[in-house]
Amino acid sequence: MAGHPPFGLPEVKRALVAAAGGALLLAQRIPRAVALEMLLTGDPIDAARAAAVGLVNRVVDEGQALAEAVELATAIAANGRCAGGHQTDRDPRRRLVRRGTLG
């Protein structure tokens, strides 16, 4: 996919650790084996592979990210509010965004 930047944690190639959270969070977001490969080799993955392992939701054409984001936000906003008429901390959508998981 030409024009899409790679995703990676190259710190190990410079004898560093991805200490800003990448090393800890990556294995929570994608399969452990893929995360370990990325962390131990420092090799990046392309956009198609990132989508295949679940690191990104969508891959869009260059210049279309904002339009796709607005379309997704519109679809989310069109859904009904939680019981009680307003979003609260009990709203699973807020938990999902805040913590990255419904669990």
C-alpha atoms as a PDB file:
ATOM      1  CA  MET A   1       0.000   0.000   0.000  1.00  0.00           C
ATOM      2  CA  ALA A   2       2.056   2.839  -1.290  1.00  0.00           C
ATOM      3  CA  GLY A   3       1.831   6.109   0.577  1.00  0.00           C
ATOM      4  CA  HIS A   4       0.966   4.568   3.953  1.00  0.00           C
ATOM      5  CA  PRO A   5       3.596   4.999   6.667  1.00  0.00           C
ATOM      6  CA  PRO A   6       4.778   1.859   8.462  1.00  0.00           C
ATOM      7  CA  PHE A   7       3.922   1.062  12.072  1.00  0.00           C
ATOM      8  CA  GLY A   8       6.724  -0.001  14.355  1.00  0.00           C
ATOM      9  CA  LEU A   9       8.762   0.286  17.511  1.00  0.00           C
ATOM     10  CA  PRO A  10      12.345   0.719  16.276  1.00  0.00           C
ATOM     11  CA  GLU A  11      13.846   1.448  19.721  1.00  0.00           C
ATOM     12  CA  VAL A  12      15.447  -2.006  20.014  1.00  0.00           C
ATOM     13  CA  LYS A  13      17.578  -1.274  16.930  1.00  0.00           C
ATOM     14  CA  ARG A  14      19.179   1.526  18.970  1.00  0.00           C
ATOM     15  CA  ALA A  15      19.515  -0.517  22.187  1.00  0.00           C
ATOM     16  CA  LEU A  16      16.540   1.289  23.732  1.00  0.00           C
ATOM     17  CA  VAL A  17      13.214   0.162  25.189  1.00  0.00           C
ATOM     18  CA  ALA A  18       9.829   1.441  23.988  1.00  0.00           C
ATOM     19  CA  ALA A  19       9.241   2.912  27.449  1.00  0.00           C
ATOM     20  CA  ALA A  20       6.467   5.356  26.557  1.00  0.00           C
ATOM     21  CA  GLY A  21       3.968   2.513  26.792  1.00  0.00           C
ATOM     22  CA  GLY A  22       4.418   0.878  23.408  1.00  0.00           C
ATOM     23  CA  ALA A  23       6.120  -2.207  24.811  1.00  0.00           C
ATOM     24  CA  LEU A  24       3.392  -2.754  27.386  1.00  0.00           C
ATOM     25  CA  LEU A  25       0.331  -1.833  25.344  1.00  0.00           C
ATOM     26  CA  LEU A  26       1.157  -3.484  22.031  1.00  0.00           C
ATOM     27  CA  ALA A  27       0.615  -7.041  23.303  1.00  0.00           C
ATOM     28  CA  GLN A  28      -2.767  -5.968  24.688  1.00  0.00           C
ATOM     29  CA  ARG A  29      -3.894  -4.769  21.269  1.00  0.00           C
ATOM     30  CA  ILE A  30      -2.557  -7.387  18.848  1.00  0.00           C
ATOM     31  CA  PRO A  31      -1.623 -11.081  19.062  1.00  0.00           C
ATOM     32  CA  ARG A  32       1.258 -11.633  21.492  1.00  0.00           C
ATOM     33  CA  ALA A  33       3.443 -13.349  18.897  1.00  0.00           C
ATOM     34  CA  VAL A  34       3.147 -10.414  16.492  1.00  0.00           C
ATOM     35  CA  ALA A  35       3.835  -7.914  19.291  1.00  0.00           C
ATOM     36  CA  LEU A  36       6.931  -9.850  20.391  1.00  0.00           C
ATOM     37  CA  GLU A  37       8.214 -10.009  16.839  1.00  0.00           C
ATOM     38  CA  MET A  38       7.814  -6.266  16.436  1.00  0.00           C
ATOM     39  CA  LEU A  39       9.380  -5.502  19.824  1.00  0.00           C
ATOM     40  CA  LEU A  40      12.320  -7.898  19.476  1.00  0.00           C
ATOM     41  CA  THR A  41      13.228  -7.173  15.845  1.00  0.00           C
ATOM     42  CA  GLY A  42      12.306  -3.505  15.621  1.00  0.00           C
ATOM     43  CA  ASP A  43      10.975  -4.202  12.134  1.00  0.00           C
ATOM     44  CA  PRO A  44       7.900  -2.193  11.137  1.00  0.00           C
ATOM     45  CA  ILE A  45       4.701  -3.572   9.642  1.00  0.00           C
ATOM     46  CA  ASP A  46       2.799  -1.998   6.766  1.00  0.00           C
ATOM     47  CA  ALA A  47      -0.758  -0.700   6.894  1.00  0.00           C
ATOM     48  CA  ALA A  48      -2.271  -3.895   5.472  1.00  0.00           C
ATOM     49  CA  ARG A  49      -0.562  -6.045   8.117  1.00  0.00           C
ATOM     50  CA  ALA A  50      -1.531  -3.563  10.849  1.00  0.00           C
ATOM     51  CA  ALA A  51      -5.165  -3.936   9.797  1.00  0.00           C
ATOM     52  CA  ALA A  52      -4.891  -7.725   9.545  1.00  0.00           C
ATOM     53  CA  VAL A  53      -3.618  -8.054  13.141  1.00  0.00           C
ATOM     54  CA  GLY A  54      -6.077  -5.518  14.545  1.00  0.00           C
ATOM     55  CA  LEU A  55      -3.698  -2.637  15.253  1.00  0.00           C
ATOM     56  CA  VAL A  56      -5.832  -0.318  13.118  1.00  0.00           C
ATOM     57  CA  ASN A  57      -9.526  -0.514  12.255  1.00  0.00           C
ATOM     58  CA  ARG A  58      -9.305   0.772   8.705  1.00  0.00           C
ATOM     59  CA  VAL A  59      -6.828   1.647   6.015  1.00  0.00           C
ATOM     60  CA  VAL A  60      -7.979   4.522   3.829  1.00  0.00           C
ATOM     61  CA  ASP A  61      -6.601   6.193   0.754  1.00  0.00           C
ATOM     62  CA  GLU A  62      -4.242   9.099   1.248  1.00  0.00           C
ATOM     63  CA  GLY A  63      -6.140  12.301   2.000  1.00  0.00           C
ATOM     64  CA  GLN A  64      -9.308  10.467   3.061  1.00  0.00           C
ATOM     65  CA  ALA A  65      -8.629   9.996   6.783  1.00  0.00           C
ATOM     66  CA  LEU A  66     -10.656  13.007   7.921  1.00  0.00           C
ATOM     67  CA  ALA A  67     -13.639  12.135   5.727  1.00  0.00           C
ATOM     68  CA  GLU A  68     -13.590   8.525   6.999  1.00  0.00           C
ATOM     69  CA  ALA A  69     -13.297   9.711  10.613  1.00  0.00           C
ATOM     70  CA  VAL A  70     -16.260  12.065  10.193  1.00  0.00           C
ATOM     71  CA  GLU A  71     -18.298   9.270   8.588  1.00  0.00           C
ATOM     72  CA  LEU A  72     -17.499   6.933  11.491  1.00  0.00           C
ATOM     73  CA  ALA A  73     -18.241   9.633  14.090  1.00  0.00           C
ATOM     74  CA  THR A  74     -21.564  10.377  12.384  1.00  0.00           C
ATOM     75  CA  ALA A  75     -22.536   6.693  12.507  1.00  0.00           C
ATOM     76  CA  ILE A  76     -21.618   6.487  16.199  1.00  0.00           C
ATOM     77  CA  ALA A  77     -23.443   9.722  17.056  1.00  0.00           C
ATOM     78  CA  ALA A  78     -26.580   8.493  15.268  1.00  0.00           C
ATOM     79  CA  ASN A  79     -26.969   5.679  17.808  1.00  0.00           C
ATOM     80  CA  GLY A  80     -29.305   6.110  20.743  1.00  0.00           C
ATOM     81  CA  ARG A  81     -28.165   7.436  24.074  1.00  0.00           C
ATOM     82  CA  CYS A  82     -27.836   5.159  27.048  1.00  0.00           C
ATOM     83  CA  ALA A  83     -30.730   4.644  29.467  1.00  0.00           C
ATOM     84  CA  GLY A  84     -31.359   7.777  31.489  1.00  0.00           C
ATOM     85  CA  GLY A  85     -31.085  10.128  28.534  1.00  0.00           C
ATOM     86  CA  HIS A  86     -27.441  11.116  28.889  1.00  0.00           C
ATOM     87  CA  GLN A  87     -24.042   9.524  28.719  1.00  0.00           C
ATOM     88  CA  THR A  88     -22.626   8.570  32.093  1.00  0.00           C
ATOM     89  CA  ASP A  89     -19.602   6.642  33.276  1.00  0.00           C
ATOM     90  CA  ARG A  90     -21.840   3.549  33.159  1.00  0.00           C
ATOM     91  CA  ASP A  91     -22.221   3.996  29.405  1.00  0.00           C
ATOM     92  CA  PRO A  92     -20.136   1.195  27.849  1.00  0.00           C
ATOM     93  CA  ARG A  93     -19.170   3.456  24.948  1.00  0.00           C
ATOM     94  CA  ARG A  94     -17.438   5.847  27.342  1.00  0.00           C
ATOM     95  CA  ARG A  95     -15.634   2.976  29.092  1.00  0.00           C
ATOM     96  CA  LEU A  96     -14.500   1.621  25.749  1.00  0.00           C
ATOM     97  CA  VAL A  97     -12.992   4.946  24.733  1.00  0.00           C
ATOM     98  CA  ARG A  98     -11.523   5.740  28.141  1.00  0.00           C
ATOM     99  CA  ARG A  99      -9.943   2.356  28.902  1.00  0.00           C
ATOM    100  CA  GLY A 100      -9.749   0.747  25.491  1.00  0.00           C
ATOM    101  CA  THR A 101     -11.808  -2.219  26.646  1.00  0.00           C
ATOM    102  CA  LEU A 102     -15.281  -3.013  27.881  1.00  0.00           C
ATOM    103  CA  GLY A 103     -13.926  -5.437  30.519  1.00  0.00           C
END
